Amino acid sequence: MSPGSDIRELLEAGNVILGPMAGITEAPFRGICKRMGAGLTYTEMVSAKGLHYNPDSAVSRSLLSFSAEETPCAVQIFGADREIMAEQARGIVERNGADVAFIDINMGCPVTKVVAKGEGSALMRTPKLAAEIVSQVVARCGVPVTVKFRRGWSETESNAVEFGLAMEAAGASAIAVHGRTRDQFYRGRADWEVLAAVKSAVSVPVIGSGDVFSAADALAMLERTGVDAVMIARGAQGNPWIFREARALIDRGETIAPPTPFERIDMAREHAAALVEFAGERAFARMRKHVSWYIHDMPGATYLRERANEVGSYAELDELLLEYQAYLESKGLGE
C-alpha cells in the first residue's frame, strides 16, 4: 500500500473538511458540520503531556469524545516529547479503536504558551526533532499519521516545502499546510502559492488551509493550488452550511441559497441543546460565542449578542433565541 493511500481514499470521498479549533470544534459542532457535508472532522488539539499526566480527567474525556455522526474522526495531538507523543498516540488508538481515522500532529499552533515549550509551530524551527516525533508516532500508534504545519516561523524562516518533505520522509501519510507564518498568527492573507509548492514537492496527499470563508474560496483553492482537500476552520464558525454549499459547487457546479435567518436561529438552538447534553448545563456559556457567529450581520444582532452574554442558563438562552425568532417574524425577515 502506498504512503497515504488510506487517507487519500478518505479525502477523495470528501475533500472539504472541518479543521480543528480549540474551544470551538467540540463533538456536537463537529457532528453538525459532518451532517452538513464535511468530509472529515478533527478533534480539538489534545496535549500529549496532559493525557500522560491526567489520562482520566474530565477534559481528556471530553476532548476524546466523538459524536455518532462524525466517526471515524481524526485526533489531533501536540507536544515536543517524542516518547510521550508516541505513547499517547498509541493509547488513544487503543482506547478509541475504529473511531480514530488517523492521528494528526499539530506543528502549526502559533499560541505563545504552546510555542514557548517548543511545541506547535516552534517545531518548524527544529525539523530534526519534528521528524523524530513523526517517526516514533508512526512506529507506535498503528494508524496513519498526518502533520499540520504553517508556511514557516516567519517571513525569513519560510520552510514549508523542506519541512513537508521531511515529514513525508519520516512517515507522514498526509500533510496539511496553513498559508501563514507563525508570526502572522491569523493576520494578513494566507499564501496559497506555498500550498501549490508543497503539493508539487511531496507525493503524499496535501490539505490546504487558510482564508476559506465561502464555497467559492474552497473551489478556488482546489483549482489554484492542486491540493487534495480544503480545510475550513474559521469559515465554519456560525456557518456549518459552508460544507453543503462547497459540496454543491465543487461536485455539481451549483450555487445554492445560503441559510435563512430562521434556519440560522434553529441551528443555534440545536447546537446549544446538543452542547448542553454533551457537556452539562454549565456548557451553555460556551455557546455565547457561537450565537454571536450564527447571528452575525442579522438585524438586531448587536442587541441579541449583548443579551446572550447576560443570560444565566441554557433555558434563558433558548428563550432568548425564540424571542429573537419571533422578532424577525414580526418584521417579515425570517424566511
Foldseek 3Di string as FASTA:
>chain_A
DDFLPLVLVLCVVAFEAAEADPLAPWQLNRLLLVVLAHSAAEFHEAELVCCVVCVPDPVNVRRLDHDPNHFLHAYEYKDQDQVSLQVSLQVSCVVPPRSHQEYEYAQAQLDPVQVVRCMHVSCLVVLVSVLSSLLSNVVRRPHAYEYEHELHADPVGRCVQVSLVSNVVSRHREYEYWQDHSVCNQDDFRDLQVLLVNVVRDDHAYEYETDDQALVSQVCSCVVRVGSHYYDYPSCQLNSNRNNQNCCCVVPVDGDDGDFLQVLLVVLLVSLVVQCVSPNWVCSQSSLSSLLSNCPPPPPSVVLSVVSNPDDTSVSNNVSSVVVLVVCVVVVRGD
